[in-house]
PDB file of N, CA and C in Angstrom:
ATOM      1  N   MET A   1      79.748 -44.636 -12.966  1.00  0.00           N
ATOM      2  CA  MET A   1      79.943 -43.116 -13.154  1.00  0.00           C
ATOM      3  C   MET A   1      79.963 -42.657 -14.179  1.00  0.00           C
ATOM      4  N   GLY A   2      80.936 -43.007 -14.761  1.00  0.00           N
ATOM      5  CA  GLY A   2      81.184 -42.737 -16.154  1.00  0.00           C
ATOM      6  C   GLY A   2      82.347 -42.665 -16.584  1.00  0.00           C
ATOM      7  N   THR A   3      83.235 -41.331 -17.102  1.00  0.00           N
ATOM      8  CA  THR A   3      84.669 -42.132 -17.642  1.00  0.00           C
ATOM      9  C   THR A   3      85.557 -40.165 -17.609  1.00  0.00           C
ATOM     10  N   THR A   4      86.204 -40.579 -16.952  1.00  0.00           N
ATOM     11  CA  THR A   4      87.347 -39.079 -16.767  1.00  0.00           C
ATOM     12  C   THR A   4      87.748 -38.527 -18.408  1.00  0.00           C
ATOM     13  N   THR A   5      87.005 -37.278 -18.404  1.00  0.00           N
ATOM     14  CA  THR A   5      87.554 -36.750 -19.358  1.00  0.00           C
ATOM     15  C   THR A   5      89.168 -35.737 -18.994  1.00  0.00           C
ATOM     16  N   VAL A   6      89.780 -35.593 -20.208  1.00  0.00           N
ATOM     17  CA  VAL A   6      90.642 -34.975 -20.158  1.00  0.00           C
ATOM     18  C   VAL A   6      90.544 -33.914 -21.014  1.00  0.00           C
ATOM     19  N   MET A   7      91.698 -32.335 -21.358  1.00  0.00           N
ATOM     20  CA  MET A   7      91.712 -31.705 -21.970  1.00  0.00           C
ATOM     21  C   MET A   7      92.595 -30.676 -22.189  1.00  0.00           C
ATOM     22  N   HIS A   8      93.206 -30.706 -22.380  1.00  0.00           N
ATOM     23  CA  HIS A   8      94.777 -29.172 -22.619  1.00  0.00           C
ATOM     24  C   HIS A   8      94.282 -28.079 -22.949  1.00  0.00           C
ATOM     25  N   LYS A   9      94.236 -27.284 -22.535  1.00  0.00           N
ATOM     26  CA  LYS A   9      94.074 -25.751 -22.837  1.00  0.00           C
ATOM     27  C   LYS A   9      95.411 -25.095 -22.707  1.00  0.00           C
ATOM     28  N   ALA A  10      95.179 -24.135 -23.348  1.00  0.00           N
ATOM     29  CA  ALA A  10      96.221 -23.266 -24.143  1.00  0.00           C
ATOM     30  C   ALA A  10      97.465 -22.626 -23.605  1.00  0.00           C
ATOM     31  N   ASP A  11      96.719 -22.319 -22.059  1.00  0.00           N
ATOM     32  CA  ASP A  11      97.494 -21.832 -20.968  1.00  0.00           C
ATOM     33  C   ASP A  11      98.449 -23.171 -20.967  1.00  0.00           C
ATOM     34  N   GLY A  12      98.572 -24.138 -21.512  1.00  0.00           N
ATOM     35  CA  GLY A  12      99.553 -24.934 -20.742  1.00  0.00           C
ATOM     36  C   GLY A  12      98.952 -25.815 -19.647  1.00  0.00           C
ATOM     37  N   ALA A  13      97.830 -25.754 -18.838  1.00  0.00           N
ATOM     38  CA  ALA A  13      97.027 -26.503 -17.595  1.00  0.00           C
ATOM     39  C   ALA A  13      95.968 -27.645 -18.595  1.00  0.00           C
ATOM     40  N   THR A  14      95.853 -28.323 -17.404  1.00  0.00           N
ATOM     41  CA  THR A  14      94.751 -29.406 -18.145  1.00  0.00           C
ATOM     42  C   THR A  14      93.672 -29.618 -16.935  1.00  0.00           C
ATOM     43  N   PHE A  15      92.687 -29.790 -17.967  1.00  0.00           N
ATOM     44  CA  PHE A  15      91.154 -29.998 -17.414  1.00  0.00           C
ATOM     45  C   PHE A  15      90.821 -31.430 -17.769  1.00  0.00           C
ATOM     46  N   LYS A  16      90.300 -31.921 -16.207  1.00  0.00           N
ATOM     47  CA  LYS A  16      89.499 -33.286 -16.167  1.00  0.00           C
ATOM     48  C   LYS A  16      88.542 -32.744 -15.473  1.00  0.00           C
ATOM     49  N   GLY A  17      87.882 -33.522 -15.984  1.00  0.00           N
ATOM     50  CA  GLY A  17      86.454 -33.850 -15.867  1.00  0.00           C
ATOM     51  C   GLY A  17      85.710 -35.379 -15.685  1.00  0.00           C
ATOM     52  N   THR A  18      84.272 -35.148 -15.981  1.00  0.00           N
ATOM     53  CA  THR A  18      84.203 -36.583 -15.825  1.00  0.00           C
ATOM     54  C   THR A  18      82.677 -36.467 -16.573  1.00  0.00           C
ATOM     55  N   CYS A  19      82.318 -37.270 -17.243  1.00  0.00           N
ATOM     56  CA  CYS A  19      81.321 -37.849 -18.273  1.00  0.00           C
ATOM     57  C   CYS A  19      79.951 -38.873 -17.801  1.00  0.00           C
ATOM     58  N   GLN A  20      79.682 -38.092 -16.535  1.00  0.00           N
ATOM     59  CA  GLN A  20      78.402 -38.972 -15.872  1.00  0.00           C
ATOM     60  C   GLN A  20      77.456 -40.037 -16.788  1.00  0.00           C
ATOM     61  N   THR A  21      77.389 -41.103 -17.158  1.00  0.00           N
ATOM     62  CA  THR A  21      77.157 -41.360 -17.312  1.00  0.00           C
ATOM     63  C   THR A  21      74.945 -41.796 -16.635  1.00  0.00           C
ATOM     64  N   GLY A  22      73.723 -41.654 -17.337  1.00  0.00           N
ATOM     65  CA  GLY A  22      72.799 -42.588 -16.894  1.00  0.00           C
ATOM     66  C   GLY A  22      71.668 -42.242 -18.150  1.00  0.00           C
ATOM     67  N   ASP A  23      70.503 -42.033 -17.444  1.00  0.00           N
ATOM     68  CA  ASP A  23      69.567 -42.572 -18.101  1.00  0.00           C
ATOM     69  C   ASP A  23      69.405 -41.686 -19.504  1.00  0.00           C
ATOM     70  N   GLY A  24      69.435 -42.744 -20.550  1.00  0.00           N
ATOM     71  CA  GLY A  24      70.125 -41.856 -22.175  1.00  0.00           C
ATOM     72  C   GLY A  24      70.361 -41.524 -22.465  1.00  0.00           C
ATOM     73  N   PHE A  25      71.721 -41.177 -21.490  1.00  0.00           N
ATOM     74  CA  PHE A  25      73.442 -40.271 -22.285  1.00  0.00           C
ATOM     75  C   PHE A  25      74.020 -41.768 -21.356  1.00  0.00           C
ATOM     76  N   THR A  26      74.757 -42.052 -23.065  1.00  0.00           N
ATOM     77  CA  THR A  26      76.120 -42.640 -22.172  1.00  0.00           C
ATOM     78  C   THR A  26      77.866 -41.400 -22.394  1.00  0.00           C
ATOM     79  N   ALA A  27      78.455 -42.228 -22.218  1.00  0.00           N
ATOM     80  CA  ALA A  27      79.777 -41.859 -22.369  1.00  0.00           C
ATOM     81  C   ALA A  27      80.157 -40.769 -23.688  1.00  0.00           C
ATOM     82  N   ALA A  28      79.757 -41.724 -24.551  1.00  0.00           N
ATOM     83  CA  ALA A  28      79.816 -41.309 -25.369  1.00  0.00           C
ATOM     84  C   ALA A  28      79.654 -40.697 -26.349  1.00  0.00           C
ATOM     85  N   ALA A  29      78.373 -39.746 -25.474  1.00  0.00           N
ATOM     86  CA  ALA A  29      78.067 -38.586 -25.767  1.00  0.00           C
ATOM     87  C   ALA A  29      79.164 -37.020 -24.980  1.00  0.00           C
ATOM     88  N   CYS A  30      79.967 -37.737 -24.428  1.00  0.00           N
ATOM     89  CA  CYS A  30      80.715 -36.852 -23.867  1.00  0.00           C
ATOM     90  C   CYS A  30      82.345 -36.733 -25.275  1.00  0.00           C
ATOM     91  N   ASN A  31      82.449 -35.818 -26.069  1.00  0.00           N
ATOM     92  CA  ASN A  31      83.431 -35.398 -26.970  1.00  0.00           C
ATOM     93  C   ASN A  31      84.341 -34.267 -27.053  1.00  0.00           C
ATOM     94  N   GLU A  32      84.746 -33.860 -27.921  1.00  0.00           N
ATOM     95  CA  GLU A  32      85.431 -32.791 -28.431  1.00  0.00           C
ATOM     96  C   GLU A  32      85.372 -31.176 -28.117  1.00  0.00           C
ATOM     97  N   LYS A  33      83.709 -31.408 -28.174  1.00  0.00           N
ATOM     98  CA  LYS A  33      82.686 -29.926 -27.818  1.00  0.00           C
ATOM     99  C   LYS A  33      82.074 -30.091 -26.601  1.00  0.00           C
ATOM    100  N   VAL A  34      81.323 -31.743 -25.855  1.00  0.00           N
ATOM    101  CA  VAL A  34      80.924 -31.635 -24.500  1.00  0.00           C
ATOM    102  C   VAL A  34      82.218 -31.823 -23.820  1.00  0.00           C
ATOM    103  N   ILE A  35      82.780 -31.811 -22.656  1.00  0.00           N
ATOM    104  CA  ILE A  35      84.052 -32.461 -22.716  1.00  0.00           C
ATOM    105  C   ILE A  35      83.889 -32.739 -20.884  1.00  0.00           C
ATOM    106  N   SER A  36      83.327 -32.290 -20.733  1.00  0.00           N
ATOM    107  CA  SER A  36      82.347 -32.737 -19.258  1.00  0.00           C
ATOM    108  C   SER A  36      80.643 -32.940 -19.244  1.00  0.00           C
ATOM    109  N   ALA A  37      80.611 -34.049 -18.543  1.00  0.00           N
ATOM    110  CA  ALA A  37      78.169 -34.096 -18.338  1.00  0.00           C
ATOM    111  C   ALA A  37      78.725 -34.316 -16.596  1.00  0.00           C
ATOM    112  N   ARG A  38      77.913 -34.082 -16.001  1.00  0.00           N
ATOM    113  CA  ARG A  38      77.204 -34.267 -14.862  1.00  0.00           C
ATOM    114  C   ARG A  38      75.486 -33.628 -14.510  1.00  0.00           C
ATOM    115  N   TYR A  39      75.265 -34.623 -13.161  1.00  0.00           N
ATOM    116  CA  TYR A  39      73.561 -33.714 -12.693  1.00  0.00           C
ATOM    117  C   TYR A  39      74.150 -34.260 -11.143  1.00  0.00           C
ATOM    118  N   PHE A  40      73.060 -32.791 -10.394  1.00  0.00           N
ATOM    119  CA  PHE A  40      73.008 -33.311  -8.834  1.00  0.00           C
ATOM    120  C   PHE A  40      71.759 -33.265  -9.000  1.00  0.00           C
ATOM    121  N   GLY A  41      70.897 -33.893  -7.747  1.00  0.00           N
ATOM    122  CA  GLY A  41      69.823 -33.607  -7.244  1.00  0.00           C
ATOM    123  C   GLY A  41      69.507 -34.465  -6.151  1.00  0.00           C
ATOM    124  N   LYS A  42      70.400 -35.015  -5.112  1.00  0.00           N
ATOM    125  CA  LYS A  42      70.585 -36.404  -4.068  1.00  0.00           C
ATOM    126  C   LYS A  42      69.087 -35.278  -3.640  1.00  0.00           C
ATOM    127  N   ALA A  43      69.628 -34.323  -3.013  1.00  0.00           N
ATOM    128  CA  ALA A  43      68.254 -33.359  -1.550  1.00  0.00           C
ATOM    129  C   ALA A  43      67.312 -34.014  -2.367  1.00  0.00           C
ATOM    130  N   TRP A  44      67.160 -33.523  -3.929  1.00  0.00           N
ATOM    131  CA  TRP A  44      66.055 -33.353  -4.412  1.00  0.00           C
ATOM    132  C   TRP A  44      65.065 -35.180  -5.110  1.00  0.00           C
ATOM    133  N   PHE A  45      65.675 -35.630  -5.544  1.00  0.00           N
ATOM    134  CA  PHE A  45      65.495 -37.466  -5.190  1.00  0.00           C
ATOM    135  C   PHE A  45      65.251 -38.210  -4.475  1.00  0.00           C
ATOM    136  N   ASP A  46      65.972 -37.426  -3.115  1.00  0.00           N
ATOM    137  CA  ASP A  46      65.628 -37.782  -2.009  1.00  0.00           C
ATOM    138  C   ASP A  46      64.362 -37.248  -1.321  1.00  0.00           C
ATOM    139  N   ALA A  47      63.820 -36.279  -1.442  1.00  0.00           N
ATOM    140  CA  ALA A  47      62.359 -35.193  -1.681  1.00  0.00           C
ATOM    141  C   ALA A  47      61.643 -35.431  -2.171  1.00  0.00           C
ATOM    142  N   VAL A  48      61.635 -36.295  -4.050  1.00  0.00           N
ATOM    143  CA  VAL A  48      60.460 -36.581  -4.375  1.00  0.00           C
ATOM    144  C   VAL A  48      60.532 -37.736  -4.949  1.00  0.00           C
ATOM    145  N   PRO A  49      58.806 -38.767  -4.704  1.00  0.00           N
ATOM    146  CA  PRO A  49      58.900 -39.627  -5.089  1.00  0.00           C
ATOM    147  C   PRO A  49      59.599 -40.024  -6.311  1.00  0.00           C
ATOM    148  N   GLU A  50      59.927 -41.047  -6.767  1.00  0.00           N
ATOM    149  CA  GLU A  50      59.793 -41.587  -8.405  1.00  0.00           C
ATOM    150  C   GLU A  50      58.899 -41.585  -8.858  1.00  0.00           C
ATOM    151  N   SER A  51      58.118 -41.546  -8.850  1.00  0.00           N
ATOM    152  CA  SER A  51      56.823 -41.712  -9.229  1.00  0.00           C
ATOM    153  C   SER A  51      56.031 -40.217  -9.783  1.00  0.00           C
ATOM    154  N   ASN A  52      56.855 -39.049  -8.575  1.00  0.00           N
ATOM    155  CA  ASN A  52      56.415 -38.031  -9.266  1.00  0.00           C
ATOM    156  C   ASN A  52      57.635 -37.206 -10.223  1.00  0.00           C
ATOM    157  N   ARG A  53      58.564 -38.006 -11.037  1.00  0.00           N
ATOM    158  CA  ARG A  53      60.045 -37.117 -11.406  1.00  0.00           C
ATOM    159  C   ARG A  53      59.141 -37.821 -12.849  1.00  0.00           C
ATOM    160  N   ALA A  54      60.374 -36.912 -13.285  1.00  0.00           N
ATOM    161  CA  ALA A  54      59.642 -36.600 -15.102  1.00  0.00           C
ATOM    162  C   ALA A  54      60.962 -36.092 -15.059  1.00  0.00           C
ATOM    163  N   GLY A  55      61.413 -36.326 -16.603  1.00  0.00           N
ATOM    164  CA  GLY A  55      63.037 -36.305 -17.463  1.00  0.00           C
ATOM    165  C   GLY A  55      63.674 -37.635 -17.348  1.00  0.00           C
ATOM    166  N   TYR A  56      64.659 -37.387 -16.964  1.00  0.00           N
ATOM    167  CA  TYR A  56      65.751 -38.620 -16.796  1.00  0.00           C
ATOM    168  C   TYR A  56      66.733 -37.638 -15.633  1.00  0.00           C
ATOM    169  N   VAL A  57      67.458 -39.036 -15.340  1.00  0.00           N
ATOM    170  CA  VAL A  57      68.308 -39.056 -14.052  1.00  0.00           C
ATOM    171  C   VAL A  57      69.803 -38.707 -14.853  1.00  0.00           C
ATOM    172  N   SER A  58      70.131 -38.463 -15.132  1.00  0.00           N
ATOM    173  CA  SER A  58      71.171 -37.998 -16.068  1.00  0.00           C
ATOM    174  C   SER A  58      71.743 -36.642 -16.667  1.00  0.00           C
ATOM    175  N   PRO A  59      72.324 -36.234 -16.998  1.00  0.00           N
ATOM    176  CA  PRO A  59      72.677 -35.334 -17.859  1.00  0.00           C
ATOM    177  C   PRO A  59      71.798 -34.942 -19.094  1.00  0.00           C
ATOM    178  N   ARG A  60      71.394 -35.822 -19.618  1.00  0.00           N
ATOM    179  CA  ARG A  60      70.398 -35.154 -21.011  1.00  0.00           C
ATOM    180  C   ARG A  60      68.890 -34.715 -20.334  1.00  0.00           C
ATOM    181  N   ASP A  61      69.490 -33.644 -21.019  1.00  0.00           N
ATOM    182  CA  ASP A  61      68.342 -32.859 -21.056  1.00  0.00           C
ATOM    183  C   ASP A  61      66.993 -33.128 -21.968  1.00  0.00           C
ATOM    184  N   SER A  62      65.739 -33.234 -20.780  1.00  0.00           N
ATOM    185  CA  SER A  62      64.497 -33.030 -21.152  1.00  0.00           C
ATOM    186  C   SER A  62      63.589 -32.529 -21.725  1.00  0.00           C
ATOM    187  N   GLN A  63      63.676 -31.441 -21.693  1.00  0.00           N
ATOM    188  CA  GLN A  63      62.588 -29.809 -22.050  1.00  0.00           C
ATOM    189  C   GLN A  63      63.612 -29.153 -23.330  1.00  0.00           C
ATOM    190  N   GLY A  64      65.174 -29.159 -23.148  1.00  0.00           N
ATOM    191  CA  GLY A  64      65.670 -28.106 -24.256  1.00  0.00           C
ATOM    192  C   GLY A  64      66.722 -27.176 -23.646  1.00  0.00           C
ATOM    193  N   HIS A  65      65.505 -26.622 -22.658  1.00  0.00           N
ATOM    194  CA  HIS A  65      66.157 -25.091 -21.508  1.00  0.00           C
ATOM    195  C   HIS A  65      67.696 -25.432 -21.871  1.00  0.00           C
ATOM    196  N   GLY A  66      68.977 -26.116 -21.550  1.00  0.00           N
ATOM    197  CA  GLY A  66      70.505 -26.277 -21.646  1.00  0.00           C
ATOM    198  C   GLY A  66      70.835 -26.696 -22.701  1.00  0.00           C
ATOM    199  N   THR A  67      69.724 -27.543 -23.637  1.00  0.00           N
ATOM    200  CA  THR A  67      70.305 -28.037 -24.663  1.00  0.00           C
ATOM    201  C   THR A  67      70.385 -26.268 -26.017  1.00  0.00           C
ATOM    202  N   HIS A  68      69.849 -25.315 -25.654  1.00  0.00           N
ATOM    203  CA  HIS A  68      69.827 -24.101 -26.273  1.00  0.00           C
ATOM    204  C   HIS A  68      70.838 -23.438 -25.697  1.00  0.00           C
ATOM    205  N   THR A  69      70.870 -23.357 -24.244  1.00  0.00           N
ATOM    206  CA  THR A  69      71.896 -22.426 -23.681  1.00  0.00           C
ATOM    207  C   THR A  69      73.169 -22.944 -24.230  1.00  0.00           C
ATOM    208  N   ALA A  70      73.372 -24.175 -23.908  1.00  0.00           N
ATOM    209  CA  ALA A  70      74.678 -25.227 -24.797  1.00  0.00           C
ATOM    210  C   ALA A  70      75.071 -24.683 -25.755  1.00  0.00           C
ATOM    211  N   ALA A  71      73.810 -24.300 -26.742  1.00  0.00           N
ATOM    212  CA  ALA A  71      74.588 -24.979 -28.508  1.00  0.00           C
ATOM    213  C   ALA A  71      74.583 -23.084 -28.251  1.00  0.00           C
ATOM    214  N   THR A  72      73.501 -21.851 -27.453  1.00  0.00           N
ATOM    215  CA  THR A  72      74.463 -20.325 -27.965  1.00  0.00           C
ATOM    216  C   THR A  72      75.767 -20.298 -27.608  1.00  0.00           C
ATOM    217  N   ALA A  73      76.023 -20.763 -26.239  1.00  0.00           N
ATOM    218  CA  ALA A  73      77.021 -20.774 -25.821  1.00  0.00           C
ATOM    219  C   ALA A  73      78.562 -20.997 -27.210  1.00  0.00           C
ATOM    220  N   ALA A  74      78.023 -22.245 -27.476  1.00  0.00           N
ATOM    221  CA  ALA A  74      79.417 -23.180 -27.800  1.00  0.00           C
ATOM    222  C   ALA A  74      78.631 -23.554 -29.233  1.00  0.00           C
ATOM    223  N   GLY A  75      77.976 -23.252 -30.134  1.00  0.00           N
ATOM    224  CA  GLY A  75      77.238 -24.019 -31.013  1.00  0.00           C
ATOM    225  C   GLY A  75      78.453 -23.168 -31.948  1.00  0.00           C
ATOM    226  N   ASN A  76      78.865 -24.113 -33.037  1.00  0.00           N
ATOM    227  CA  ASN A  76      79.241 -23.958 -34.676  1.00  0.00           C
ATOM    228  C   ASN A  76      79.301 -22.792 -35.063  1.00  0.00           C
ATOM    229  N   ALA A  77      80.164 -22.191 -35.582  1.00  0.00           N
ATOM    230  CA  ALA A  77      80.000 -20.868 -36.699  1.00  0.00           C
ATOM    231  C   ALA A  77      79.600 -21.104 -38.125  1.00  0.00           C
ATOM    232  N   ASP A  78      79.139 -20.333 -38.104  1.00  0.00           N
ATOM    233  CA  ASP A  78      78.792 -20.165 -40.163  1.00  0.00           C
ATOM    234  C   ASP A  78      77.374 -21.230 -40.342  1.00  0.00           C
ATOM    235  N   VAL A  79      76.262 -21.210 -39.311  1.00  0.00           N
ATOM    236  CA  VAL A  79      75.892 -22.552 -39.614  1.00  0.00           C
ATOM    237  C   VAL A  79      74.727 -22.040 -40.042  1.00  0.00           C
ATOM    238  N   ARG A  80      73.497 -22.100 -41.460  1.00  0.00           N
ATOM    239  CA  ARG A  80      72.560 -21.897 -41.898  1.00  0.00           C
ATOM    240  C   ARG A  80      71.077 -22.164 -41.082  1.00  0.00           C
ATOM    241  N   ALA A  81      70.258 -21.527 -40.384  1.00  0.00           N
ATOM    242  CA  ALA A  81      69.472 -21.662 -39.649  1.00  0.00           C
ATOM    243  C   ALA A  81      68.188 -21.606 -40.244  1.00  0.00           C
ATOM    244  N   THR A  82      67.147 -22.341 -40.156  1.00  0.00           N
ATOM    245  CA  THR A  82      65.490 -22.818 -40.408  1.00  0.00           C
ATOM    246  C   THR A  82      64.661 -23.316 -39.234  1.00  0.00           C
ATOM    247  N   ALA A  83      63.920 -22.405 -39.094  1.00  0.00           N
ATOM    248  CA  ALA A  83      62.439 -22.612 -38.282  1.00  0.00           C
ATOM    249  C   ALA A  83      61.399 -22.988 -38.796  1.00  0.00           C
ATOM    250  N   GLY A  84      60.522 -24.033 -38.810  1.00  0.00           N
ATOM    251  CA  GLY A  84      59.691 -24.433 -39.640  1.00  0.00           C
ATOM    252  C   GLY A  84      59.578 -23.909 -40.707  1.00  0.00           C
ATOM    253  N   GLY A  85      60.993 -24.409 -41.854  1.00  0.00           N
ATOM    254  CA  GLY A  85      60.725 -24.141 -43.079  1.00  0.00           C
ATOM    255  C   GLY A  85      61.136 -22.379 -43.122  1.00  0.00           C
ATOM    256  N   GLU A  86      61.185 -22.036 -42.685  1.00  0.00           N
ATOM    257  CA  GLU A  86      61.870 -20.470 -42.687  1.00  0.00           C
ATOM    258  C   GLU A  86      63.033 -20.495 -42.485  1.00  0.00           C
ATOM    259  N   ASP A  87      63.367 -19.717 -43.572  1.00  0.00           N
ATOM    260  CA  ASP A  87      65.273 -19.285 -43.846  1.00  0.00           C
ATOM    261  C   ASP A  87      65.828 -18.128 -43.001  1.00  0.00           C
ATOM    262  N   LEU A  88      66.395 -18.821 -40.835  1.00  0.00           N
ATOM    263  CA  LEU A  88      66.363 -17.303 -40.457  1.00  0.00           C
ATOM    264  C   LEU A  88      68.505 -16.907 -40.948  1.00  0.00           C
ATOM    265  N   GLY A  89      68.948 -17.478 -41.797  1.00  0.00           N
ATOM    266  CA  GLY A  89      70.025 -17.179 -42.600  1.00  0.00           C
ATOM    267  C   GLY A  89      70.948 -17.770 -41.775  1.00  0.00           C
ATOM    268  N   THR A  90      72.617 -17.308 -41.908  1.00  0.00           N
ATOM    269  CA  THR A  90      73.778 -18.069 -40.756  1.00  0.00           C
ATOM    270  C   THR A  90      74.203 -17.132 -39.528  1.00  0.00           C
ATOM    271  N   VAL A  91      74.080 -17.991 -38.687  1.00  0.00           N
ATOM    272  CA  VAL A  91      73.989 -17.846 -37.464  1.00  0.00           C
ATOM    273  C   VAL A  91      75.805 -18.176 -36.935  1.00  0.00           C
ATOM    274  N   SER A  92      75.959 -18.221 -35.643  1.00  0.00           N
ATOM    275  CA  SER A  92      77.068 -18.978 -35.212  1.00  0.00           C
ATOM    276  C   SER A  92      77.084 -18.377 -33.580  1.00  0.00           C
ATOM    277  N   GLY A  93      77.756 -19.812 -32.786  1.00  0.00           N
ATOM    278  CA  GLY A  93      77.892 -19.744 -31.034  1.00  0.00           C
ATOM    279  C   GLY A  93      78.536 -19.090 -31.186  1.00  0.00           C
ATOM    280  N   VAL A  94      78.615 -18.273 -29.777  1.00  0.00           N
ATOM    281  CA  VAL A  94      79.235 -17.339 -28.642  1.00  0.00           C
ATOM    282  C   VAL A  94      80.303 -17.391 -28.898  1.00  0.00           C
ATOM    283  N   ALA A  95      80.560 -18.513 -29.095  1.00  0.00           N
ATOM    284  CA  ALA A  95      82.101 -19.557 -28.870  1.00  0.00           C
ATOM    285  C   ALA A  95      82.345 -20.265 -29.786  1.00  0.00           C
ATOM    286  N   PRO A  96      82.254 -19.912 -30.210  1.00  0.00           N
ATOM    287  CA  PRO A  96      82.114 -21.350 -31.573  1.00  0.00           C
ATOM    288  C   PRO A  96      83.208 -22.620 -30.725  1.00  0.00           C
ATOM    289  N   GLN A  97      84.570 -21.876 -30.711  1.00  0.00           N
ATOM    290  CA  GLN A  97      86.156 -22.566 -30.717  1.00  0.00           C
ATOM    291  C   GLN A  97      86.230 -23.343 -29.339  1.00  0.00           C
ATOM    292  N   ARG A  98      85.522 -23.031 -28.171  1.00  0.00           N
ATOM    293  CA  ARG A  98      85.438 -23.984 -27.095  1.00  0.00           C
ATOM    294  C   ARG A  98      84.355 -24.572 -26.418  1.00  0.00           C
ATOM    295  N   PRO A  99      85.792 -25.669 -26.123  1.00  0.00           N
ATOM    296  CA  PRO A  99      84.815 -26.943 -25.438  1.00  0.00           C
ATOM    297  C   PRO A  99      83.441 -26.651 -24.557  1.00  0.00           C
ATOM    298  N   SER A 100      82.671 -27.328 -24.373  1.00  0.00           N
ATOM    299  CA  SER A 100      81.645 -26.549 -23.463  1.00  0.00           C
ATOM    300  C   SER A 100      81.900 -27.919 -22.046  1.00  0.00           C
ATOM    301  N   PRO A 101      81.564 -27.918 -20.941  1.00  0.00           N
ATOM    302  CA  PRO A 101      80.704 -28.698 -19.645  1.00  0.00           C
ATOM    303  C   PRO A 101      79.891 -28.470 -19.225  1.00  0.00           C
ATOM    304  N   SER A 102      79.243 -29.451 -19.290  1.00  0.00           N
ATOM    305  CA  SER A 102      77.191 -29.248 -19.026  1.00  0.00           C
ATOM    306  C   SER A 102      77.370 -30.446 -18.075  1.00  0.00           C
ATOM    307  N   THR A 103      76.194 -29.393 -16.790  1.00  0.00           N
ATOM    308  CA  THR A 103      75.873 -29.503 -15.371  1.00  0.00           C
ATOM    309  C   THR A 103      74.542 -29.399 -15.619  1.00  0.00           C
ATOM    310  N   LYS A 104      73.325 -30.547 -14.717  1.00  0.00           N
ATOM    311  CA  LYS A 104      72.636 -30.299 -14.534  1.00  0.00           C
ATOM    312  C   LYS A 104      71.818 -30.242 -13.465  1.00  0.00           C
ATOM    313  N   PRO A 105      71.641 -29.818 -12.738  1.00  0.00           N
ATOM    314  CA  PRO A 105      71.114 -29.096 -10.752  1.00  0.00           C
ATOM    315  C   PRO A 105      69.706 -30.017 -11.272  1.00  0.00           C
ATOM    316  N   SER A 106      69.095 -31.523 -10.190  1.00  0.00           N
ATOM    317  CA  SER A 106      68.004 -31.473  -9.609  1.00  0.00           C
ATOM    318  C   SER A 106      67.434 -31.996 -10.981  1.00  0.00           C
ATOM    319  N   GLY A 107      65.928 -31.523 -11.088  1.00  0.00           N
ATOM    320  CA  GLY A 107      65.450 -32.618 -12.038  1.00  0.00           C
ATOM    321  C   GLY A 107      64.189 -31.819 -12.181  1.00  0.00           C
ATOM    322  N   ARG A 108      62.898 -32.771 -12.413  1.00  0.00           N
ATOM    323  CA  ARG A 108      61.264 -31.824 -12.744  1.00  0.00           C
ATOM    324  C   ARG A 108      60.352 -33.324 -12.422  1.00  0.00           C
ATOM    325  N   ALA A 109      59.981 -32.358 -11.728  1.00  0.00           N
ATOM    326  CA  ALA A 109      58.641 -32.873 -11.107  1.00  0.00           C
ATOM    327  C   ALA A 109      56.709 -33.347 -12.165  1.00  0.00           C
ATOM    328  N   ARG A 110      56.650 -34.376 -11.843  1.00  0.00           N
ATOM    329  CA  ARG A 110      55.787 -34.187 -12.978  1.00  0.00           C
ATOM    330  C   ARG A 110      54.261 -33.267 -12.198  1.00  0.00           C
ATOM    331  N   THR A 111      53.887 -32.864 -13.003  1.00  0.00           N
ATOM    332  CA  THR A 111      52.183 -31.937 -12.722  1.00  0.00           C
ATOM    333  C   THR A 111      51.321 -32.486 -13.278  1.00  0.00           C
ATOM    334  N   THR A 112      50.614 -32.082 -12.391  1.00  0.00           N
ATOM    335  CA  THR A 112      49.238 -32.698 -12.872  1.00  0.00           C
ATOM    336  C   THR A 112      47.989 -31.459 -11.960  1.00  0.00           C
ATOM    337  N   ARG A 113      46.727 -31.484 -13.757  1.00  0.00           N
ATOM    338  CA  ARG A 113      45.882 -30.526 -13.644  1.00  0.00           C
ATOM    339  C   ARG A 113      45.179 -30.634 -13.101  1.00  0.00           C
ATOM    340  N   ARG A 114      43.954 -29.881 -12.241  1.00  0.00           N
ATOM    341  CA  ARG A 114      42.684 -29.924 -11.779  1.00  0.00           C
ATOM    342  C   ARG A 114      42.039 -28.808 -12.554  1.00  0.00           C
ATOM    343  N   THR A 115      40.875 -29.348 -12.408  1.00  0.00           N
ATOM    344  CA  THR A 115      39.827 -29.387 -13.692  1.00  0.00           C
ATOM    345  C   THR A 115      38.232 -28.466 -12.747  1.00  0.00           C
ATOM    346  N   ALA A 116      37.898 -27.349 -13.226  1.00  0.00           N
ATOM    347  CA  ALA A 116      36.620 -26.759 -12.370  1.00  0.00           C
ATOM    348  C   ALA A 116      36.131 -28.467 -12.062  1.00  0.00           C
ATOM    349  N   ALA A 117      35.027 -28.585 -11.215  1.00  0.00           N
ATOM    350  CA  ALA A 117      33.938 -29.083 -11.311  1.00  0.00           C
ATOM    351  C   ALA A 117      32.600 -28.194 -12.121  1.00  0.00           C
TER     352      ALA A 117
END
């Protein structure tokens, strides 16, 4: 399943989470910033044949949406940003000092395109 993660919170409480392993995602992916990672989707896995699945069976993000969202929320402070070679200036995450648990619901199905005959 993975390893248990423990973080001592500022209010004196303790957070305990799990770094769940899977395709392309080892327990080493959890650190002081990503303190817990899980994926959920038993019903989806039961309903979608393996041949129709895409992405990773793990907390790993194959489309970029979850990575983008987590980086926006907990990204580092005062980082130079560039895109396509263009300097976008200095950016910061919303809460750069906060660790972030990560969850990924279900999975992603392969799609097929139909062309007109």
